[in-house]
């Protein structure tokens, strides 16, 4: 779907604005798409170039509304009056991870399905993937979304293969379903779409103009590892409270069993049912999250941090950290301690 260099008419990209849209992502994508073909000539040659893309903000009614953060969003078109775009994008949905979408987006889902049937690319930034799944378009497909929503996406739509560590996923027939992870990964999504529609050179020009760096490490290093829930089961909740203060003990799972007053078999079964993870996974998550804090805030050796969070074998700690976080402890410290120091200066 690369653009013919001789063609002058800008390609239409529709940005779907819902009442839950985040204005920064919506207008950020609008600005970046609008920059293609236009701004490089201005910076290098002193004259505005011809726009290669025509971003349109569309909504169900076409009427303006307040975004969740109070910003005013003014759509260009309604769904009914929007011309068929070459790509339809869902910026995001500012909703809680377990919030139901059932019955809320009937018109938007019908529009997305129609765009897809007629050959348009469908792209979703961050939590926008939840709407693609609700539309039934991700059944049997690979997907990603914001790291905090991956469990909810997999749980609510079991036919979707969720890849929580990936920043960008393209799937479906012709790879026409494209999703980015959380936060600023909409930059990656926009650059990918520009490269696909206009060529890599144009995408690289936009990256240079706007100082955009690709999220090479994915979103795993940014994720809070704990996705388990606080148990309503009183025995299990009691063990959770205990281990939050004693995760560094030599045999925390055995002690949790003792605190719960249950047999080991019953405890493990009820813990998994109540929290969604095994007791050992729960302990490892607590330990690694604490280790991340030590790495960000201090200069203690990796071996000392491993011991402080309950691992006598630093080699095992390093391997577990890489598997769960996606970076070595040293790489994590270099990346996030530097950021913390710059923010606190």
Protein backbone atom coordinates (compact mmCIF):
# COMPACT_ATOMS: atom_id res chain seq x y z
CA UNK A 1 0.00 0.00 0.00
CA UNK A 2 2.90 2.37 -0.68
CA UNK A 3 2.10 5.71 -2.19
CA UNK A 4 2.77 6.38 -5.86
CA UNK A 5 5.27 9.26 -5.94
CA UNK A 6 3.38 10.89 -8.82
CA UNK A 7 0.10 11.02 -6.94
CA UNK A 8 -0.69 14.42 -5.43
CA UNK A 9 -3.99 13.90 -3.60
CA UNK A 10 -3.31 13.36 0.11
CA UNK A 11 -4.36 10.01 1.51
CA UNK A 12 -7.16 10.21 4.09
CA UNK A 13 -6.50 8.83 7.57
CA UNK A 14 -9.45 8.84 9.96
CA UNK A 15 -8.85 9.24 13.70
CA UNK A 16 -11.79 7.89 15.69
CA UNK A 17 -12.71 10.14 18.61
CA UNK A 18 -14.91 8.64 21.32
CA UNK A 19 -16.00 10.32 24.57
CA UNK A 20 -13.17 8.35 26.23
CA UNK A 21 -10.46 9.55 23.83
CA UNK A 22 -7.30 11.13 25.24
CA UNK A 23 -6.73 14.47 23.55
CA UNK A 24 -2.92 14.26 23.64
CA UNK A 25 -2.83 10.98 21.70
CA UNK A 26 -5.61 12.01 19.32
CA UNK A 27 -4.08 15.37 18.38
CA UNK A 28 -0.52 14.06 18.60
CA UNK A 29 -1.30 11.51 15.90
CA UNK A 30 -3.19 14.20 13.95
CA UNK A 31 -0.14 16.50 14.01
CA UNK A 32 2.35 13.79 13.10
CA UNK A 33 0.28 12.51 10.16
CA UNK A 34 -0.24 16.09 8.99
CA UNK A 35 3.50 16.71 9.08
CA UNK A 36 4.24 14.08 6.42
CA UNK A 37 5.47 15.70 3.20
CA UNK A 38 4.87 19.18 4.55
CA UNK A 39 7.37 20.06 7.27
CA UNK A 40 10.68 18.67 5.98
CA UNK A 41 10.74 21.10 3.05
CA UNK A 42 9.91 23.95 5.43
CA UNK A 43 12.86 23.14 7.67
CA UNK A 44 15.38 22.33 4.94
CA UNK A 45 14.31 24.54 2.02
CA UNK A 46 12.32 27.28 3.76
CA UNK A 47 9.05 26.53 1.99
CA UNK A 48 6.09 24.38 2.95
CA UNK A 49 5.89 21.05 1.17
CA UNK A 50 2.76 19.35 -0.14
CA UNK A 51 0.95 17.32 2.58
CA UNK A 52 0.93 13.63 1.77
CA UNK A 53 -1.67 12.63 4.34
CA UNK A 54 -5.03 14.14 5.24
CA UNK A 55 -5.89 13.32 8.87
CA UNK A 56 -9.57 13.70 9.80
CA UNK A 57 -10.98 13.46 13.30
CA UNK A 58 -14.29 11.62 13.17
CA UNK A 59 -16.88 10.78 15.80
CA UNK A 60 -20.32 9.24 15.99
CA UNK A 61 -22.18 12.54 15.68
CA UNK A 62 -19.46 14.86 14.44
CA UNK A 63 -20.19 17.25 17.32
CA UNK A 64 -17.57 18.63 19.69
CA UNK A 65 -17.15 17.26 23.21
CA UNK A 66 -14.92 17.35 26.28
CA UNK A 67 -12.19 14.73 26.61
CA UNK A 68 -11.80 13.05 30.02
CA UNK A 69 -9.03 15.52 30.92
CA UNK A 70 -11.25 18.49 30.04
CA UNK A 71 -9.72 19.32 26.65
CA UNK A 72 -12.16 20.23 23.91
CA UNK A 73 -12.26 17.88 20.91
CA UNK A 74 -13.74 19.18 17.67
CA UNK A 75 -14.31 16.42 15.08
CA UNK A 76 -14.06 17.18 11.38
CA UNK A 77 -16.72 14.68 10.31
CA UNK A 78 -19.32 12.29 11.62
CA UNK A 79 -18.97 8.59 10.93
CA UNK A 80 -21.72 8.85 8.31
CA UNK A 81 -20.02 11.67 6.37
CA UNK A 82 -16.42 10.45 6.59
CA UNK A 83 -15.02 9.32 3.23
CA UNK A 84 -13.51 5.84 3.16
CA UNK A 85 -10.03 6.27 4.65
CA UNK A 86 -6.93 4.36 3.69
CA UNK A 87 -6.43 3.82 7.43
CA UNK A 88 -8.74 4.19 10.42
CA UNK A 89 -7.07 4.76 13.78
CA UNK A 90 -8.37 4.41 17.32
CA UNK A 91 -6.17 6.67 19.49
CA UNK A 92 -7.13 5.14 22.85
CA UNK A 93 -9.93 4.68 25.39
CA UNK A 94 -9.56 6.19 28.85
CA UNK A 95 -11.31 3.38 30.71
CA UNK A 96 -10.51 1.05 33.60
CA UNK A 97 -8.95 -2.29 32.57
CA UNK A 98 -12.00 -4.35 33.56
CA UNK A 99 -14.60 -1.85 32.34
CA UNK A 100 -17.14 -3.43 30.00
CA UNK A 101 -17.48 -2.18 26.42
CA UNK A 102 -20.66 -4.14 25.73
CA UNK A 103 -23.30 -2.05 23.99
CA UNK A 104 -21.36 1.22 24.23
CA UNK A 105 -19.83 1.53 20.76
CA UNK A 106 -22.31 0.01 18.33
CA UNK A 107 -21.99 2.74 15.69
CA UNK A 108 -18.21 2.88 15.97
CA UNK A 109 -17.90 -0.91 15.68
CA UNK A 110 -20.13 -0.97 12.58
CA UNK A 111 -17.99 1.78 11.01
CA UNK A 112 -14.73 -0.02 11.82
CA UNK A 113 -16.02 -3.28 10.38
CA UNK A 114 -17.11 -1.52 7.20
CA UNK A 115 -13.72 0.17 6.81
CA UNK A 116 -12.04 -3.20 7.27
CA UNK A 117 -14.27 -4.97 4.76
CA UNK A 118 -13.49 -2.28 2.20
CA UNK A 119 -9.75 -2.76 2.57
CA UNK A 120 -8.68 -0.03 4.99
CA UNK A 121 -5.92 -0.53 7.51
CA UNK A 122 -7.19 -0.51 11.10
CA UNK A 123 -4.77 0.76 13.73
CA UNK A 124 -5.15 1.09 17.49
CA UNK A 125 -2.93 2.93 19.93
CA UNK A 126 -2.76 1.81 23.54
CA UNK A 127 -6.19 0.74 24.85
CA UNK A 128 -7.81 1.25 21.45
CA UNK A 129 -7.12 -2.45 20.84
CA UNK A 130 -9.95 -3.22 23.27
CA UNK A 131 -12.39 -1.74 20.75
CA UNK A 132 -10.95 -3.82 17.91
CA UNK A 133 -11.43 -6.91 20.07
CA UNK A 134 -14.98 -5.89 20.98
CA UNK A 135 -15.68 -5.56 17.26
CA UNK A 136 -14.66 -9.20 16.81
CA UNK A 137 -11.80 -8.25 14.49
CA UNK A 138 -9.03 -9.76 16.63
CA UNK A 139 -10.49 -13.26 17.00
CA UNK A 140 -7.70 -15.73 16.29
CA UNK A 141 -5.20 -12.89 15.80
CA UNK A 142 -2.10 -11.62 17.59
CA UNK A 143 -2.55 -8.36 19.49
CA UNK A 144 -1.04 -6.01 22.02
CA UNK A 145 -2.27 -3.12 24.15
CA UNK A 146 -1.12 -1.09 27.15
CA UNK A 147 0.68 -3.39 29.59
CA UNK A 148 -1.89 -2.72 32.32
CA UNK A 149 -4.72 -3.93 30.04
CA UNK A 150 -3.14 -7.06 28.55
CA UNK A 151 -4.57 -9.40 31.19
CA UNK A 152 -8.05 -7.91 30.77
CA UNK A 153 -7.81 -8.21 26.98
CA UNK A 154 -6.79 -11.88 27.19
CA UNK A 155 -9.41 -12.68 29.83
CA UNK A 156 -12.32 -10.94 28.12
CA UNK A 157 -11.46 -12.10 24.60
CA UNK A 158 -9.89 -15.57 24.96
CA UNK A 159 -9.64 -16.04 21.19
CA UNK A 160 -7.06 -13.23 20.98
CA UNK A 161 -3.36 -14.04 21.31
CA UNK A 162 -2.07 -11.20 23.48
CA UNK A 163 1.64 -10.24 23.39
CA UNK A 164 2.11 -7.96 26.41
CA UNK A 165 5.83 -7.31 25.88
CA UNK A 166 5.62 -6.11 22.28
CA UNK A 167 5.34 -2.43 21.41
CA UNK A 168 3.87 -3.06 17.97
CA UNK A 169 1.89 -5.94 16.46
CA UNK A 170 0.59 -6.24 12.89
CA UNK A 171 -1.80 -9.14 12.28
CA UNK A 172 -4.79 -10.30 10.26
CA UNK A 173 -5.12 -10.78 6.52
CA UNK A 174 -2.56 -8.58 4.81
CA UNK A 175 -1.42 -7.44 8.28
CA UNK A 176 -4.14 -4.80 8.16
CA UNK A 177 -4.75 -4.87 11.93
CA UNK A 178 -2.00 -2.88 13.64
CA UNK A 179 -1.72 -2.23 17.37
CA UNK A 180 0.75 -0.36 19.57
CA UNK A 181 1.30 -0.80 23.30
CA UNK A 182 0.90 1.81 25.99
CA UNK A 183 1.73 5.46 26.47
CA UNK A 184 3.92 7.10 23.85
CA UNK A 185 4.11 3.98 21.66
CA UNK A 186 1.57 5.79 19.45
CA UNK A 187 4.70 7.41 17.98
CA UNK A 188 5.83 3.95 16.85
CA UNK A 189 2.39 3.22 15.43
CA UNK A 190 2.27 6.48 13.48
CA UNK A 191 5.77 6.05 12.07
CA UNK A 192 4.94 2.47 11.06
CA UNK A 193 1.82 3.61 9.22
CA UNK A 194 3.70 6.41 7.47
CA UNK A 195 6.43 3.97 6.41
CA UNK A 196 3.83 1.54 5.12
CA UNK A 197 1.82 4.14 3.21
CA UNK A 198 4.51 6.57 2.07
CA UNK A 199 7.79 4.68 2.41
CA UNK A 200 10.57 4.39 4.96
CA UNK A 201 12.31 7.61 3.89
CA UNK A 202 9.28 9.73 4.78
CA UNK A 203 8.95 7.98 8.15
CA UNK A 204 12.63 8.65 8.86
CA UNK A 205 12.18 12.32 8.00
CA UNK A 206 9.33 12.56 10.52
CA UNK A 207 11.45 10.82 13.15
CA UNK A 208 14.23 13.36 12.60
CA UNK A 209 11.88 16.36 12.63
CA UNK A 210 10.14 15.34 15.83
CA UNK A 211 13.11 13.65 17.59
CA UNK A 212 11.29 10.32 17.83
CA UNK A 213 13.16 7.25 19.04
CA UNK A 214 11.66 3.79 18.48
CA UNK A 215 10.79 1.79 21.61
CA UNK A 216 13.36 -0.95 20.91
CA UNK A 217 12.92 -2.69 24.26
CA UNK A 218 9.15 -2.93 24.00
CA UNK A 219 6.95 -2.00 26.95
CA UNK A 220 8.01 -4.79 29.32
CA UNK A 221 10.66 -2.71 31.17
CA UNK A 222 8.03 -0.07 31.96
CA UNK A 223 5.39 -2.50 33.25
CA UNK A 224 4.50 -2.99 36.86
CA UNK A 225 4.87 -6.75 37.10
CA UNK A 226 2.07 -7.35 39.58
CA UNK A 227 -1.18 -7.91 37.76
CA UNK A 228 -2.74 -10.05 40.47
CA UNK A 229 -5.69 -8.80 42.47
CA UNK A 230 -6.26 -8.44 46.20
CA UNK A 231 -8.12 -11.53 47.34
CA UNK A 232 -11.63 -11.40 48.77
CA UNK A 233 -10.91 -14.77 50.38
CA UNK A 234 -10.03 -13.75 53.98
CA UNK A 235 -7.44 -16.53 54.48
CA UNK A 236 -5.65 -15.65 51.25
CA UNK A 237 -5.87 -11.91 51.91
CA UNK A 238 -4.23 -12.48 55.30
CA UNK A 239 -1.33 -14.27 53.64
CA UNK A 240 -0.97 -11.45 51.11
CA UNK A 241 -0.69 -8.88 53.89
CA UNK A 242 1.95 -11.02 55.62
CA UNK A 243 4.11 -11.62 52.54
CA UNK A 244 4.08 -7.93 51.60
CA UNK A 245 6.23 -7.39 54.71
CA UNK A 246 8.17 -10.68 54.66
CA UNK A 247 8.80 -11.47 50.97
CA UNK A 248 12.57 -11.65 51.68
CA UNK A 249 12.30 -14.63 54.04
CA UNK A 250 13.92 -17.93 52.90
CA UNK A 251 10.66 -19.90 52.43
CA UNK A 252 7.87 -17.35 52.01
CA UNK A 253 5.33 -19.69 50.40
CA UNK A 254 5.58 -22.17 53.29
CA UNK A 255 5.11 -19.31 55.73
CA UNK A 256 2.09 -18.04 53.79
CA UNK A 257 0.55 -21.49 54.11
CA UNK A 258 1.15 -21.37 57.86
CA UNK A 259 -0.36 -17.89 58.19
CA UNK A 260 -3.44 -18.92 56.20
CA UNK A 261 -4.17 -21.90 58.44
CA UNK A 262 -4.92 -24.08 55.39
CA UNK A 263 -3.28 -27.21 54.10
CA UNK A 264 -0.63 -26.57 51.44
CA UNK A 265 -2.76 -28.07 48.68
CA UNK A 266 -5.87 -26.09 49.64
CA UNK A 267 -3.85 -22.90 50.05
CA UNK A 268 -2.27 -23.11 46.60
CA UNK A 269 -5.59 -23.90 44.95
CA UNK A 270 -7.44 -21.07 46.72
CA UNK A 271 -4.60 -18.61 46.19
CA UNK A 272 -4.60 -19.16 42.41
CA UNK A 273 -8.39 -18.92 42.33
CA UNK A 274 -8.41 -15.71 44.37
CA UNK A 275 -5.50 -13.84 42.76
CA UNK A 276 -5.05 -15.37 39.31
CA UNK A 277 -1.40 -16.35 39.95
CA UNK A 278 0.45 -19.01 41.92
CA UNK A 279 1.89 -18.15 45.36
CA UNK A 280 5.45 -18.46 43.96
CA UNK A 281 4.70 -16.09 41.06
CA UNK A 282 3.16 -13.66 43.52
CA UNK A 283 6.28 -13.69 45.72
CA UNK A 284 8.61 -13.30 42.75
CA UNK A 285 6.60 -10.32 41.55
CA UNK A 286 6.87 -8.62 44.94
CA UNK A 287 10.59 -9.28 45.09
CA UNK A 288 11.30 -8.01 41.57
CA UNK A 289 9.23 -4.86 42.05
CA UNK A 290 11.18 -4.13 45.22
CA UNK A 291 14.45 -4.82 43.38
CA UNK A 292 13.44 -2.32 40.70
CA UNK A 293 13.02 0.33 43.41
CA UNK A 294 16.50 -0.42 44.81
CA UNK A 295 17.99 -0.22 41.31
CA UNK A 296 16.31 3.11 40.59
CA UNK A 297 17.09 4.77 43.89
CA UNK A 298 20.50 3.53 45.03
CA UNK A 299 23.96 2.29 44.09
CA UNK A 300 24.06 -1.02 45.97
CA UNK A 301 25.73 -3.85 44.02
CA UNK A 302 23.41 -6.22 42.14
CA UNK A 303 24.47 -9.06 44.44
CA UNK A 304 23.47 -7.08 47.53
CA UNK A 305 20.08 -6.18 46.04
CA UNK A 306 19.44 -9.82 45.18
CA UNK A 307 20.08 -10.76 48.80
CA UNK A 308 17.96 -7.89 50.14
CA UNK A 309 14.90 -9.09 48.23
CA UNK A 310 15.38 -12.75 49.17
CA UNK A 311 17.62 -14.37 46.53
CA UNK A 312 20.77 -16.05 47.84
CA UNK A 313 21.90 -16.82 44.29
CA UNK A 314 22.60 -13.60 42.31
CA UNK A 315 22.82 -15.59 39.07
CA UNK A 316 19.26 -16.89 39.51
CA UNK A 317 18.10 -13.37 40.36
CA UNK A 318 19.65 -11.95 37.18
CA UNK A 319 18.08 -14.63 34.98
CA UNK A 320 14.65 -14.18 36.59
CA UNK A 321 14.92 -10.38 36.25
CA UNK A 322 15.73 -10.61 32.53
CA UNK A 323 12.88 -13.06 31.92
CA UNK A 324 10.28 -10.97 33.73
CA UNK A 325 11.50 -7.41 33.02
CA UNK A 326 13.21 -7.73 29.64
CA UNK A 327 16.44 -6.02 30.71
CA UNK A 328 19.35 -7.08 32.90
CA UNK A 329 19.43 -5.43 36.36
CA UNK A 330 22.37 -3.32 35.20
CA UNK A 331 20.55 -2.20 32.05
CA UNK A 332 17.44 -1.39 34.08
CA UNK A 333 19.46 0.71 36.53
CA UNK A 334 21.21 2.60 33.72
CA UNK A 335 17.91 3.40 32.04
CA UNK A 336 15.64 4.25 34.96
CA UNK A 337 18.05 5.55 37.61
CA UNK A 338 19.25 8.10 35.09
CA UNK A 339 15.70 9.14 34.39
CA UNK A 340 14.91 9.45 38.11
CA UNK A 341 18.01 11.56 38.68
CA UNK A 342 17.20 13.89 35.77
CA UNK A 343 13.64 14.35 37.01
CA UNK A 344 14.77 15.10 40.56
CA UNK A 345 17.51 17.59 39.60
